[in-house]
C-alpha atoms as a PDB file:
ATOM      1  CA  MET A   1     -18.550 -13.419-191.118  1.00  0.00           C
ATOM      2  CA  GLU A   2     -18.381 -14.672-194.462  1.00  0.00           C
ATOM      3  CA  ILE A   3     -15.355 -17.003-195.816  1.00  0.00           C
ATOM      4  CA  ASP A   4     -14.561 -16.566-199.264  1.00  0.00           C
ATOM      5  CA  ALA A   5     -11.940 -18.241-201.281  1.00  0.00           C
ATOM      6  CA  GLU A   6      -8.981 -16.560-200.637  1.00  0.00           C
ATOM      7  CA  LEU A   7      -9.536 -17.102-196.720  1.00  0.00           C
ATOM      8  CA  ARG A   8     -10.314 -21.107-197.172  1.00  0.00           C
ATOM      9  CA  ARG A   9      -7.234 -21.298-198.939  1.00  0.00           C
ATOM     10  CA  GLN A  10      -5.377 -19.586-196.261  1.00  0.00           C
ATOM     11  CA  ILE A  11      -7.002 -21.550-193.587  1.00  0.00           C
ATOM     12  CA  THR A  12      -6.205 -24.827-196.056  1.00  0.00           C
ATOM     13  CA  VAL A  13      -2.810 -23.979-196.296  1.00  0.00           C
ATOM     14  CA  SER A  14      -1.563 -22.941-192.730  1.00  0.00           C
ATOM     15  CA  LEU A  15      -3.345 -26.193-191.143  1.00  0.00           C
ATOM     16  CA  LEU A  16      -1.840 -28.325-193.422  1.00  0.00           C
ATOM     17  CA  ALA A  17       1.441 -27.301-192.535  1.00  0.00           C
ATOM     18  CA  ALA A  18       0.677 -27.384-188.881  1.00  0.00           C
ATOM     19  CA  ALA A  19      -0.661 -31.075-189.675  1.00  0.00           C
ATOM     20  CA  VAL A  20       3.122 -31.763-191.326  1.00  0.00           C
ATOM     21  CA  PHE A  21       5.058 -30.178-188.125  1.00  0.00           C
ATOM     22  CA  ILE A  22       2.749 -32.331-185.921  1.00  0.00           C
ATOM     23  CA  LEU A  23       3.601 -35.609-187.722  1.00  0.00           C
ATOM     24  CA  GLY A  24       6.713 -34.441-187.736  1.00  0.00           C
ATOM     25  CA  LEU A  25       6.699 -34.224-183.712  1.00  0.00           C
ATOM     26  CA  VAL A  26       5.229 -37.358-183.652  1.00  0.00           C
ATOM     27  CA  GLY A  27       8.104 -39.467-185.777  1.00  0.00           C
ATOM     28  CA  ILE A  28      10.777 -38.194-183.745  1.00  0.00           C
ATOM     29  CA  GLY A  29       8.637 -39.125-180.676  1.00  0.00           C
ATOM     30  CA  VAL A  30       8.290 -42.437-181.742  1.00  0.00           C
ATOM     31  CA  THR A  31      11.662 -42.792-183.154  1.00  0.00           C
ATOM     32  CA  PHE A  32      13.831 -41.634-180.162  1.00  0.00           C
ATOM     33  CA  GLY A  33      11.389 -42.048-177.503  1.00  0.00           C
ATOM     34  CA  GLY A  34      10.770 -44.828-175.106  1.00  0.00           C
ATOM     35  CA  SER A  35      13.403 -43.279-171.991  1.00  0.00           C
ATOM     36  CA  ALA A  36      12.881 -40.631-169.412  1.00  0.00           C
ATOM     37  CA  ALA A  37      15.400 -38.322-171.801  1.00  0.00           C
ATOM     38  CA  LEU A  38      15.260 -37.695-175.274  1.00  0.00           C
ATOM     39  CA  PRO A  39      18.827 -38.517-176.862  1.00  0.00           C
ATOM     40  CA  GLU A  40      21.248 -35.968-178.270  1.00  0.00           C
ATOM     41  CA  ALA A  41      20.047 -37.759-181.874  1.00  0.00           C
ATOM     42  CA  GLY A  42      16.601 -37.030-180.957  1.00  0.00           C
ATOM     43  CA  ALA A  43      17.388 -33.462-179.999  1.00  0.00           C
ATOM     44  CA  ILE A  44      19.022 -32.481-183.150  1.00  0.00           C
ATOM     45  CA  ALA A  45      16.152 -33.989-185.012  1.00  0.00           C
ATOM     46  CA  LEU A  46      13.826 -31.726-182.753  1.00  0.00           C
ATOM     47  CA  VAL A  47      16.070 -28.700-183.786  1.00  0.00           C
ATOM     48  CA  ALA A  48      16.332 -29.592-187.191  1.00  0.00           C
ATOM     49  CA  LEU A  49      11.900 -29.930-187.282  1.00  0.00           C
ATOM     50  CA  LEU A  50      11.215 -26.607-185.884  1.00  0.00           C
ATOM     51  CA  ALA A  51      13.790 -24.913-188.491  1.00  0.00           C
ATOM     52  CA  GLY A  52      12.273 -26.786-190.938  1.00  0.00           C
ATOM     53  CA  PHE A  53       8.935 -25.761-189.886  1.00  0.00           C
ATOM     54  CA  VAL A  54       9.975 -21.971-189.758  1.00  0.00           C
ATOM     55  CA  LEU A  55      11.434 -21.747-193.304  1.00  0.00           C
ATOM     56  CA  LEU A  56       8.157 -23.716-194.526  1.00  0.00           C
ATOM     57  CA  MET A  57       5.570 -21.228-192.627  1.00  0.00           C
ATOM     58  CA  ALA A  58       8.209 -18.342-194.562  1.00  0.00           C
ATOM     59  CA  LEU A  59       7.324 -20.044-197.647  1.00  0.00           C
ATOM     60  CA  VAL A  60       3.711 -20.289-197.135  1.00  0.00           C
ATOM     61  CA  GLY A  61       3.475 -17.016-196.446  1.00  0.00           C
ATOM     62  CA  ALA A  62       5.249 -15.956-199.525  1.00  0.00           C
ATOM     63  CA  TYR A  63       3.199 -18.493-201.544  1.00  0.00           C
ATOM     64  CA  LEU A  64      -0.091 -16.788-200.161  1.00  0.00           C
ATOM     65  CA  ILE A  65       0.956 -13.073-200.790  1.00  0.00           C
ATOM     66  CA  ARG A  66       1.804 -14.461-204.626  1.00  0.00           C
ATOM     67  CA  ALA A  67      -1.272 -15.608-204.601  1.00  0.00           C
ATOM     68  CA  LYS A  68      -2.971 -12.779-202.997  1.00  0.00           C
ATOM     69  CA  ASP A  69      -1.872 -10.441-205.984  1.00  0.00           C
ATOM     70  CA  GLU A  70      -2.112 -12.527-208.820  1.00  0.00           C
ATOM     71  CA  ASP A  71      -6.402 -13.102-208.215  1.00  0.00           C
ATOM     72  CA  ALA A  72      -6.423  -9.425-207.719  1.00  0.00           C
END
């Protein structure tokens, strides 16, 4: 299977978005970790991170669709 420029762009942007999510999880773990349970503030931060990730992936999808239309 040959990987063309469009597929490389999709892979790169998706991996960067996933890396941002993982870094956010690590950041929440470092900030609110250290005990047996996640405190309420940490839980709210986690929910906010998940909501932000969903929005980020929607924006990434819109960007990739728009970039594909401009290339065609």
